[in-house]
N, C-alpha and C. Protein backbone atom coordinates (compact mmCIF):
# COMPACT_ATOMS: atom_id res chain seq x y z
N MET A 1 15.57 36.32 3.16
CA MET A 1 13.73 36.55 2.84
C MET A 1 12.89 35.73 2.03
N LYS A 2 13.49 35.41 0.25
CA LYS A 2 12.71 34.75 0.21
C LYS A 2 13.06 33.06 0.83
N ARG A 3 13.78 32.87 1.72
CA ARG A 3 13.29 31.63 2.18
C ARG A 3 12.46 32.01 2.90
N LEU A 4 12.32 33.18 3.69
CA LEU A 4 10.81 32.60 4.50
C LEU A 4 10.03 32.65 3.78
N ILE A 5 9.45 33.66 2.42
CA ILE A 5 8.27 33.19 1.93
C ILE A 5 8.41 32.21 0.93
N CYS A 6 9.28 31.33 0.95
CA CYS A 6 8.50 30.66 0.12
C CYS A 6 8.47 29.40 1.75
N VAL A 7 8.69 29.79 2.83
CA VAL A 7 8.36 28.33 3.77
C VAL A 7 7.10 28.99 4.25
N SER A 8 6.69 30.63 4.44
CA SER A 8 5.50 30.97 4.69
C SER A 8 4.65 30.62 3.46
N VAL A 9 5.00 30.38 2.15
CA VAL A 9 4.03 29.61 1.62
C VAL A 9 3.68 28.28 1.63
N THR A 10 4.62 27.84 2.24
CA THR A 10 4.30 26.29 1.87
C THR A 10 3.56 26.07 3.22
N MET A 11 3.09 26.72 4.67
CA MET A 11 2.88 26.28 5.89
C MET A 11 1.26 26.42 5.21
N VAL A 12 0.70 27.07 4.84
CA VAL A 12 0.03 28.15 4.57
C VAL A 12 -0.77 26.90 3.88
N PHE A 13 -0.24 26.10 3.03
CA PHE A 13 -0.60 25.24 2.22
C PHE A 13 -1.30 24.30 2.65
N ALA A 14 -0.21 23.86 3.82
CA ALA A 14 0.02 22.80 4.35
C ALA A 14 -1.39 22.63 5.73
N LEU A 15 -1.24 23.24 5.62
CA LEU A 15 -2.05 24.15 6.71
C LEU A 15 -3.93 23.77 5.99
N ALA A 16 -3.98 24.12 5.44
CA ALA A 16 -5.06 24.77 3.97
C ALA A 16 -5.46 22.83 3.84
N ALA A 17 -4.71 21.84 3.27
CA ALA A 17 -4.66 20.89 3.19
C ALA A 17 -5.24 20.01 3.61
N CYS A 18 -4.90 19.94 5.47
CA CYS A 18 -4.67 19.48 6.10
C CYS A 18 -6.95 19.97 6.96
N GLN A 19 -7.03 20.95 6.63
CA GLN A 19 -8.94 21.48 6.70
C GLN A 19 -9.52 20.77 5.78
N ASN A 20 -8.99 19.50 4.85
CA ASN A 20 -9.30 19.28 4.01
C ASN A 20 -9.91 17.76 3.91
N MET A 21 -9.31 17.70 4.93
CA MET A 21 -9.32 15.43 4.88
C MET A 21 -10.58 15.40 5.94
N PRO A 22 -10.99 14.27 5.13
CA PRO A 22 -12.72 13.51 5.55
C PRO A 22 -12.51 13.69 7.18
N TRP A 23 -11.83 13.14 7.95
CA TRP A 23 -11.86 12.86 8.97
C TRP A 23 -11.91 14.33 10.04
N THR A 24 -11.13 15.33 9.38
CA THR A 24 -11.33 16.96 10.42
C THR A 24 -12.72 17.30 9.53
N GLN A 25 -13.45 16.46 8.33
CA GLN A 25 -14.38 17.62 8.21
C GLN A 25 -15.52 16.98 9.33
N ARG A 26 -16.01 18.18 9.77
CA ARG A 26 -17.63 17.70 11.02
C ARG A 26 -18.48 18.32 10.31
N HIS A 27 -19.21 17.58 10.57
CA HIS A 27 -21.16 17.64 9.65
C HIS A 27 -21.90 18.10 10.52
N ASN A 28 -21.92 18.30 11.84
CA ASN A 28 -22.45 17.33 12.47
C ASN A 28 -23.59 19.26 12.80
N THR A 29 -24.60 19.05 12.72
CA THR A 29 -25.54 20.41 12.34
C THR A 29 -26.73 19.72 13.88
N PRO A 30 -26.62 20.88 14.54
CA PRO A 30 -27.97 20.52 15.75
C PRO A 30 -28.93 20.58 14.68
N PRO A 31 -30.30 19.70 14.48
CA PRO A 31 -31.97 19.67 14.06
C PRO A 31 -32.08 20.36 14.34
N VAL A 32 -32.86 20.20 13.23
CA VAL A 32 -33.89 21.74 13.91
C VAL A 32 -35.53 21.22 14.50
N GLU A 33 -35.77 21.80 15.28
CA GLU A 33 -37.78 20.43 15.71
C GLU A 33 -38.50 21.92 15.59
N GLY A 34 -39.55 20.97 14.92
CA GLY A 34 -41.10 22.19 14.71
C GLY A 34 -40.40 23.50 13.87
N PRO A 35 -41.28 24.27 13.89
CA PRO A 35 -42.28 25.06 12.59
C PRO A 35 -40.67 25.94 13.55
N PRO A 36 -41.00 26.87 12.10
CA PRO A 36 -39.62 28.46 12.31
C PRO A 36 -40.91 28.95 13.11
N PRO A 37 -40.29 29.93 13.73
CA PRO A 37 -40.62 31.03 14.91
C PRO A 37 -41.90 31.86 13.89
N SER A 38 -42.63 32.26 14.19
CA SER A 38 -43.79 33.28 13.36
C SER A 38 -44.86 33.42 14.26
N SER A 39 -46.14 34.51 13.58
CA SER A 39 -47.00 34.69 14.67
C SER A 39 -48.58 34.07 13.90
N ASP A 40 -48.29 33.38 12.79
CA ASP A 40 -49.32 32.67 11.93
C ASP A 40 -48.76 31.65 11.29
N SER A 41 -48.51 30.44 12.41
CA SER A 41 -47.44 29.49 12.31
C SER A 41 -49.25 27.89 12.30
N ALA A 42 -49.74 27.69 11.90
CA ALA A 42 -50.99 27.07 12.29
C ALA A 42 -50.43 25.42 11.81
N SER A 43 -49.87 25.51 9.99
CA SER A 43 -49.38 24.23 10.38
C SER A 43 -48.21 24.88 9.09
N TYR A 44 -46.79 23.89 9.46
CA TYR A 44 -45.14 24.27 8.62
C TYR A 44 -45.39 23.10 8.48
N ASP A 45 -44.49 22.70 7.03
CA ASP A 45 -44.01 21.48 6.98
C ASP A 45 -42.64 21.79 6.00
N ALA A 46 -41.63 22.21 6.83
CA ALA A 46 -40.49 22.27 6.30
C ALA A 46 -39.62 20.77 5.51
N PRO A 47 -39.24 21.66 4.69
CA PRO A 47 -38.83 20.87 3.53
C PRO A 47 -37.63 19.80 4.68
N ALA A 48 -37.31 18.64 3.62
CA ALA A 48 -35.85 17.90 4.96
C ALA A 48 -34.49 18.92 4.41
N PRO A 49 -33.31 18.88 5.00
CA PRO A 49 -32.40 19.52 4.22
C PRO A 49 -31.64 18.50 3.18
N PRO A 50 -30.84 19.16 2.49
CA PRO A 50 -30.57 17.70 1.61
C PRO A 50 -29.56 16.96 2.00
N GLU A 51 -28.85 16.33 1.55
CA GLU A 51 -27.88 15.01 2.64
C GLU A 51 -26.51 15.51 2.05
N GLU A 52 -25.38 15.76 2.64
CA GLU A 52 -24.41 16.24 1.99
C GLU A 52 -23.65 15.09 1.52
N GLY A 53 -22.10 15.42 0.71
CA GLY A 53 -21.92 14.80 0.07
C GLY A 53 -22.23 13.40 -0.85
N LEU A 54 -22.03 12.17 -1.32
CA LEU A 54 -22.05 10.97 -2.18
C LEU A 54 -23.68 10.41 -1.60
N GLN A 55 -24.47 10.44 -2.80
CA GLN A 55 -25.12 9.30 -2.78
C GLN A 55 -25.52 7.70 -2.73
N LEU A 56 -26.11 7.74 -1.14
CA LEU A 56 -25.50 5.89 -0.92
C LEU A 56 -26.47 4.93 -1.95
N SER A 57 -26.11 4.56 -2.75
CA SER A 57 -26.68 3.27 -4.07
C SER A 57 -27.85 2.78 -3.08
N THR A 58 -29.44 2.13 -3.98
CA THR A 58 -30.07 1.12 -3.54
C THR A 58 -29.63 -0.21 -4.43
N ASP A 59 -28.25 -0.81 -4.64
CA ASP A 59 -27.90 -1.61 -5.80
C ASP A 59 -27.09 -2.12 -5.29
N GLN A 60 -26.27 -3.26 -4.39
CA GLN A 60 -25.13 -3.33 -3.60
C GLN A 60 -25.24 -3.99 -4.00
N ARG A 61 -23.74 -5.19 -3.23
CA ARG A 61 -23.26 -6.70 -3.71
C ARG A 61 -23.67 -6.91 -2.63
N PHE A 62 -23.11 -6.53 -1.27
CA PHE A 62 -22.99 -7.24 -0.30
C PHE A 62 -24.70 -6.40 0.68
N SER A 63 -25.24 -7.11 1.41
CA SER A 63 -26.58 -5.87 1.88
C SER A 63 -25.46 -4.43 2.48
N ASP A 64 -24.59 -4.91 3.17
CA ASP A 64 -24.14 -4.22 4.20
C ASP A 64 -22.99 -3.45 3.98
N VAL A 65 -22.67 -3.33 3.12
CA VAL A 65 -20.82 -2.59 2.21
C VAL A 65 -21.38 -1.73 1.39
N PRO A 66 -21.86 -0.25 1.49
CA PRO A 66 -22.09 0.57 1.17
C PRO A 66 -21.19 0.61 -0.11
N LEU A 67 -22.12 1.15 -1.24
CA LEU A 67 -21.84 1.60 -2.26
C LEU A 67 -22.84 2.70 -2.56
N LEU A 68 -21.97 3.54 -3.27
CA LEU A 68 -22.45 5.04 -3.29
C LEU A 68 -23.25 5.22 -5.01
N VAL A 69 -24.01 5.69 -6.04
CA VAL A 69 -24.34 5.69 -7.07
C VAL A 69 -22.99 6.24 -8.22
N GLY A 70 -23.49 5.53 -9.24
CA GLY A 70 -23.20 6.34 -9.72
C GLY A 70 -21.79 5.66 -10.29
N LEU A 71 -21.68 4.57 -9.75
CA LEU A 71 -20.10 3.94 -9.89
C LEU A 71 -19.83 2.88 -10.96
N HIS A 72 -19.02 3.14 -11.57
CA HIS A 72 -18.79 1.84 -12.96
C HIS A 72 -17.53 0.22 -12.05
N GLU A 73 -18.07 -0.72 -12.71
CA GLU A 73 -17.85 -1.51 -11.66
C GLU A 73 -16.51 -2.55 -13.20
N ASP A 74 -15.59 -2.18 -12.14
CA ASP A 74 -14.41 -3.52 -13.65
C ASP A 74 -15.22 -5.11 -13.31
N LEU A 75 -15.63 -5.63 -14.15
CA LEU A 75 -15.70 -7.38 -13.86
C LEU A 75 -14.51 -8.24 -13.89
N ASP A 76 -14.11 -7.04 -15.12
CA ASP A 76 -12.93 -8.01 -15.23
C ASP A 76 -12.10 -8.18 -14.05
N LYS A 77 -11.22 -7.58 -13.24
CA LYS A 77 -11.39 -6.84 -11.95
C LYS A 77 -12.03 -7.27 -10.63
N SER A 78 -13.02 -8.19 -10.86
CA SER A 78 -14.11 -8.20 -9.72
C SER A 78 -14.24 -9.96 -9.47
N PHE A 79 -14.11 -10.02 -7.86
CA PHE A 79 -14.94 -11.17 -7.55
C PHE A 79 -15.74 -11.64 -6.55
N VAL A 80 -16.58 -11.72 -6.33
CA VAL A 80 -17.67 -12.36 -5.64
C VAL A 80 -18.15 -13.65 -5.59
N TYR A 81 -18.00 -13.89 -4.35
CA TYR A 81 -18.71 -15.31 -3.76
C TYR A 81 -18.94 -14.93 -2.31
N GLU A 82 -20.20 -15.51 -2.28
CA GLU A 82 -21.61 -15.36 -0.54
C GLU A 82 -22.43 -16.98 -1.30
N SER A 83 -22.46 -17.88 -0.20
CA SER A 83 -22.90 -18.45 0.58
C SER A 83 -23.65 -17.89 1.51
N LYS A 84 -24.11 -19.34 2.99
CA LYS A 84 -24.99 -18.86 3.69
C LYS A 84 -24.57 -19.03 4.58
N THR A 85 -22.78 -19.34 4.71
CA THR A 85 -21.88 -18.99 6.11
C THR A 85 -21.36 -18.32 5.84
N LEU A 86 -20.90 -18.16 3.87
CA LEU A 86 -19.63 -17.02 3.86
C LEU A 86 -19.95 -16.03 3.33
N GLN A 87 -19.08 -14.65 3.43
CA GLN A 87 -19.19 -13.11 1.74
C GLN A 87 -17.79 -13.46 2.09
N ILE A 88 -17.18 -13.07 0.77
CA ILE A 88 -16.13 -12.83 0.37
C ILE A 88 -16.46 -11.66 -1.07
N GLY A 89 -15.61 -10.81 -1.14
CA GLY A 89 -15.03 -10.36 -2.27
C GLY A 89 -14.47 -9.13 -2.87
N ARG A 90 -13.69 -9.34 -3.68
CA ARG A 90 -13.27 -8.26 -4.29
C ARG A 90 -14.32 -7.52 -5.58
N MET A 91 -14.33 -6.32 -5.15
CA MET A 91 -15.35 -5.84 -5.82
C MET A 91 -14.31 -4.30 -6.47
N VAL A 92 -13.63 -4.10 -7.78
CA VAL A 92 -13.18 -2.64 -8.40
C VAL A 92 -14.12 -1.92 -8.91
N TYR A 93 -14.06 -0.66 -8.54
CA TYR A 93 -14.78 0.64 -9.56
C TYR A 93 -14.17 1.66 -10.09
N THR A 94 -14.80 2.15 -10.13
CA THR A 94 -14.18 3.69 -11.31
C THR A 94 -15.06 5.03 -11.12
N THR A 95 -14.79 5.83 -10.56
CA THR A 95 -15.32 7.46 -10.46
C THR A 95 -14.95 8.02 -10.57
N LYS A 96 -15.50 9.68 -11.13
CA LYS A 96 -14.94 11.06 -11.14
C LYS A 96 -15.00 11.58 -9.63
N SER A 97 -15.64 11.53 -8.65
CA SER A 97 -15.68 11.24 -7.17
C SER A 97 -14.37 11.71 -7.21
N SER A 98 -13.87 12.01 -5.53
CA SER A 98 -12.12 13.42 -5.40
C SER A 98 -11.81 11.52 -4.43
N VAL A 99 -9.95 12.09 -4.10
CA VAL A 99 -10.63 10.72 -3.13
C VAL A 99 -11.67 11.50 -1.84
N ASN A 100 -11.14 12.64 -1.62
CA ASN A 100 -12.05 13.03 0.13
C ASN A 100 -13.53 12.91 0.38
N GLU A 101 -13.93 13.05 -1.52
CA GLU A 101 -15.63 12.63 -1.44
C GLU A 101 -16.18 11.10 -0.91
N LEU A 102 -14.83 10.72 -1.66
CA LEU A 102 -15.13 9.13 -1.13
C LEU A 102 -14.59 8.40 -0.27
N SER A 103 -13.75 9.13 0.92
CA SER A 103 -13.38 8.27 2.13
C SER A 103 -14.49 9.04 3.02
N SER A 104 -14.81 10.99 2.72
CA SER A 104 -15.63 11.22 3.60
C SER A 104 -17.29 9.91 3.26
N PHE A 105 -17.51 9.43 2.68
CA PHE A 105 -19.05 8.95 2.14
C PHE A 105 -19.23 7.52 3.31
N TYR A 106 -17.53 6.57 2.55
CA TYR A 106 -17.10 5.54 3.27
C TYR A 106 -17.21 5.60 4.87
N ILE A 107 -16.52 6.97 5.58
CA ILE A 107 -16.84 6.98 7.08
C ILE A 107 -17.68 6.99 7.66
N ARG A 108 -18.62 7.64 6.63
CA ARG A 108 -20.42 8.17 7.11
C ARG A 108 -21.01 7.18 7.12
N GLU A 109 -21.26 5.81 5.68
CA GLU A 109 -22.37 5.09 5.56
C GLU A 109 -22.25 3.75 6.46
N CYS A 110 -20.56 3.62 5.94
CA CYS A 110 -20.03 2.40 6.94
C CYS A 110 -20.60 2.30 8.42
N PRO A 111 -20.69 3.18 9.13
CA PRO A 111 -21.23 2.93 10.78
C PRO A 111 -22.73 2.92 10.73
N ALA A 112 -23.30 3.69 9.65
CA ALA A 112 -24.06 3.44 9.89
C ALA A 112 -25.60 1.91 9.50
N ALA A 113 -23.83 1.00 8.28
CA ALA A 113 -23.92 -0.45 9.01
C ALA A 113 -24.07 -0.84 9.41
N GLY A 114 -23.51 -0.65 10.43
CA GLY A 114 -22.70 -1.74 11.58
C GLY A 114 -21.04 -1.49 11.08
N TRP A 115 -20.47 -1.36 11.04
CA TRP A 115 -18.94 -1.34 11.00
C TRP A 115 -18.20 -0.03 11.24
N LYS A 116 -17.34 -0.63 12.18
CA LYS A 116 -16.64 0.26 13.30
C LYS A 116 -15.12 0.66 12.64
N LEU A 117 -14.87 1.90 12.14
CA LEU A 117 -13.34 2.15 11.84
C LEU A 117 -12.36 1.34 12.63
N SER A 118 -11.67 0.65 12.24
CA SER A 118 -10.35 0.73 12.72
C SER A 118 -9.49 1.38 11.97
N SER A 119 -8.93 1.93 11.09
CA SER A 119 -7.52 2.46 10.27
C SER A 119 -8.39 3.15 9.51
N VAL A 120 -7.00 4.36 9.32
CA VAL A 120 -7.11 5.64 8.28
C VAL A 120 -5.71 5.55 7.81
N VAL A 121 -5.34 5.50 7.09
CA VAL A 121 -4.07 5.88 5.76
C VAL A 121 -4.70 6.60 4.70
N GLN A 122 -3.81 7.90 4.49
CA GLN A 122 -3.86 8.63 3.35
C GLN A 122 -2.52 8.95 2.91
N ALA A 123 -2.17 8.62 2.08
CA ALA A 123 -0.84 8.82 1.32
C ALA A 123 -1.54 8.14 0.02
N ALA A 124 -0.56 9.51 -1.37
CA ALA A 124 -1.44 8.89 -2.68
C ALA A 124 -2.87 8.44 -2.80
N GLY A 125 -3.49 9.52 -2.20
CA GLY A 125 -5.30 7.98 -1.82
C GLY A 125 -5.69 8.00 -0.83
N ALA A 126 -6.42 6.82 -0.28
CA ALA A 126 -6.76 6.31 0.57
C ALA A 126 -6.92 4.94 0.77
N GLU A 127 -6.45 4.76 2.10
CA GLU A 127 -6.61 2.83 2.29
C GLU A 127 -7.86 3.34 4.07
N LEU A 128 -9.11 2.70 4.26
CA LEU A 128 -9.52 2.68 5.05
C LEU A 128 -9.98 1.20 5.39
N SER A 129 -10.02 0.61 6.59
CA SER A 129 -10.11 -0.78 7.44
C SER A 129 -11.10 -0.23 7.92
N PHE A 130 -12.04 -1.75 7.77
CA PHE A 130 -13.67 -1.19 9.34
C PHE A 130 -13.64 -3.23 9.57
N THR A 131 -14.06 -2.45 10.78
CA THR A 131 -14.77 -4.38 11.09
C THR A 131 -15.89 -4.48 11.49
N LYS A 132 -16.42 -5.59 11.69
CA LYS A 132 -17.74 -6.09 12.36
C LYS A 132 -17.88 -7.63 12.90
N PRO A 133 -18.46 -7.89 13.22
CA PRO A 133 -18.28 -9.56 14.14
C PRO A 133 -18.14 -10.07 13.15
N GLY A 134 -17.09 -11.16 12.53
CA GLY A 134 -16.55 -12.07 11.78
C GLY A 134 -16.58 -11.28 10.98
N LYS A 135 -16.73 -10.23 10.15
CA LYS A 135 -16.17 -9.67 9.21
C LYS A 135 -15.16 -8.17 9.01
N LYS A 136 -13.97 -8.69 8.05
CA LYS A 136 -13.05 -6.97 7.72
C LYS A 136 -13.67 -6.58 6.33
N LEU A 137 -13.46 -5.73 6.08
CA LEU A 137 -14.02 -5.02 5.06
C LEU A 137 -12.03 -3.46 4.59
N LYS A 138 -11.85 -3.68 3.40
CA LYS A 138 -10.94 -2.71 3.42
C LYS A 138 -11.78 -1.54 1.49
N VAL A 139 -11.25 -0.78 2.26
CA VAL A 139 -11.38 0.35 1.41
C VAL A 139 -10.09 1.38 0.99
N VAL A 140 -10.20 0.90 -0.20
CA VAL A 140 -8.60 1.00 -0.60
C VAL A 140 -9.02 2.17 -2.07
N ILE A 141 -8.56 3.83 -2.29
CA ILE A 141 -9.33 4.90 -3.26
C ILE A 141 -7.82 5.17 -3.73
N LYS A 142 -7.55 4.95 -5.03
CA LYS A 142 -6.69 4.97 -5.78
C LYS A 142 -7.28 6.12 -6.61
N ASN A 143 -5.63 7.42 -7.14
CA ASN A 143 -5.67 8.45 -8.45
C ASN A 143 -5.21 7.13 -9.42
N LEU A 144 -6.11 7.48 -10.34
CA LEU A 144 -5.71 7.48 -11.67
C LEU A 144 -4.64 7.14 -12.76
N GLY A 145 -4.94 8.39 -12.29
CA GLY A 145 -3.40 9.57 -13.48
C GLY A 145 -4.09 10.20 -14.37
N LEU A 146 -3.16 10.83 -14.90
CA LEU A 146 -4.13 11.72 -15.48
C LEU A 146 -4.57 11.95 -17.22
N GLY A 147 -3.46 10.47 -17.29
CA GLY A 147 -4.33 9.68 -18.41
C GLY A 147 -5.79 9.30 -18.43
N ARG A 148 -6.13 8.65 -17.44
CA ARG A 148 -7.76 8.72 -17.08
C ARG A 148 -8.42 9.48 -16.57
N GLY A 149 -7.50 9.70 -15.48
CA GLY A 149 -8.27 10.86 -14.97
C GLY A 149 -9.63 9.73 -13.68
N GLY A 150 -9.69 9.95 -12.62
CA GLY A 150 -10.90 9.78 -11.94
C GLY A 150 -10.26 9.04 -10.80
N ARG A 151 -10.82 7.93 -10.28
CA ARG A 151 -10.65 6.97 -9.41
C ARG A 151 -11.03 5.63 -9.49
N GLN A 152 -10.45 4.73 -8.78
CA GLN A 152 -10.23 3.31 -8.83
C GLN A 152 -10.53 3.28 -7.16
N LEU A 153 -11.03 2.15 -6.96
CA LEU A 153 -12.05 2.19 -5.41
C LEU A 153 -12.08 0.87 -5.34
N VAL A 154 -11.39 -0.02 -4.32
CA VAL A 154 -11.71 -1.08 -4.71
C VAL A 154 -12.50 -1.76 -3.02
N LEU A 155 -12.81 -2.35 -3.37
CA LEU A 155 -13.53 -2.71 -1.67
C LEU A 155 -13.43 -4.41 -1.60
N THR A 156 -13.08 -4.58 -0.40
CA THR A 156 -12.25 -6.32 0.14
C THR A 156 -13.07 -6.37 1.48
N LEU A 157 -13.54 -7.27 1.19
CA LEU A 157 -14.52 -8.21 1.67
C LEU A 157 -14.39 -9.30 2.71
N LEU A 158 -14.08 -10.05 3.71
CA LEU A 158 -13.16 -10.96 4.45
C LEU A 158 -13.89 -11.03 5.29
N PRO A 159 -13.81 -12.70 6.10
CA PRO A 159 -14.13 -12.97 7.04
C PRO A 159 -13.16 -12.14 7.87
N ASP A 160 -13.63 -12.19 9.26
CA ASP A 160 -11.93 -11.90 10.23
C ASP A 160 -12.44 -12.97 10.91
N GLU A 161 -10.94 -13.02 11.04
CA GLU A 161 -10.17 -14.17 12.24
C GLU A 161 -10.25 -14.76 13.39
N ASP A 162 -11.04 -13.00 13.47
CA ASP A 162 -10.69 -13.20 15.60
C ASP A 162 -12.13 -14.02 15.99
C-alpha cells in the first residue's frame, strides 16, 4: 500500500513539472478588438495588456540577440568581436530569474528577432539552439547553486558554416 502511495505521489509531481516547461506553456490569447460592448461607447481607449514574462532590454551587445532587463554581465568571462563581416561572442551574465522564465523569454523573443529554434535540452538547466542565415546562437542557462543563488546565462554567437 505504501508503495502505491509513493508511486502515485511521484506521478502527480512529475505531471505537474511537465506542465511548467517553457515549451508547453501557451501565451496565445486572442486580441481584443474594438471597444467593449456598452450602450454609451462614444470613445474608449482600452489600456494595452501587460506583456507576460521577462522584459526585453534596449541595451544589447548585438542588435539581433535579445537580452532581458536586469542582467549582470561577467566581463571576465565574456568575449565579443564584431566587424562589418563577422560577429562572434560569448557573453556571460548572472540573473535571479528562473530557468523557466529565461527559457520562455528566449523562446518568445528570438523568433521575433529572426531566429529559428532548432533544439531544446532541459536537464539541470536548459540549452536552446537557434539559427538564422549565416549565424548560430546557443543559449545556456545553469543554476549557480544554493551558495551563490540565481542563474548563469551564457549566450554564444557564432557564424554558421552551412
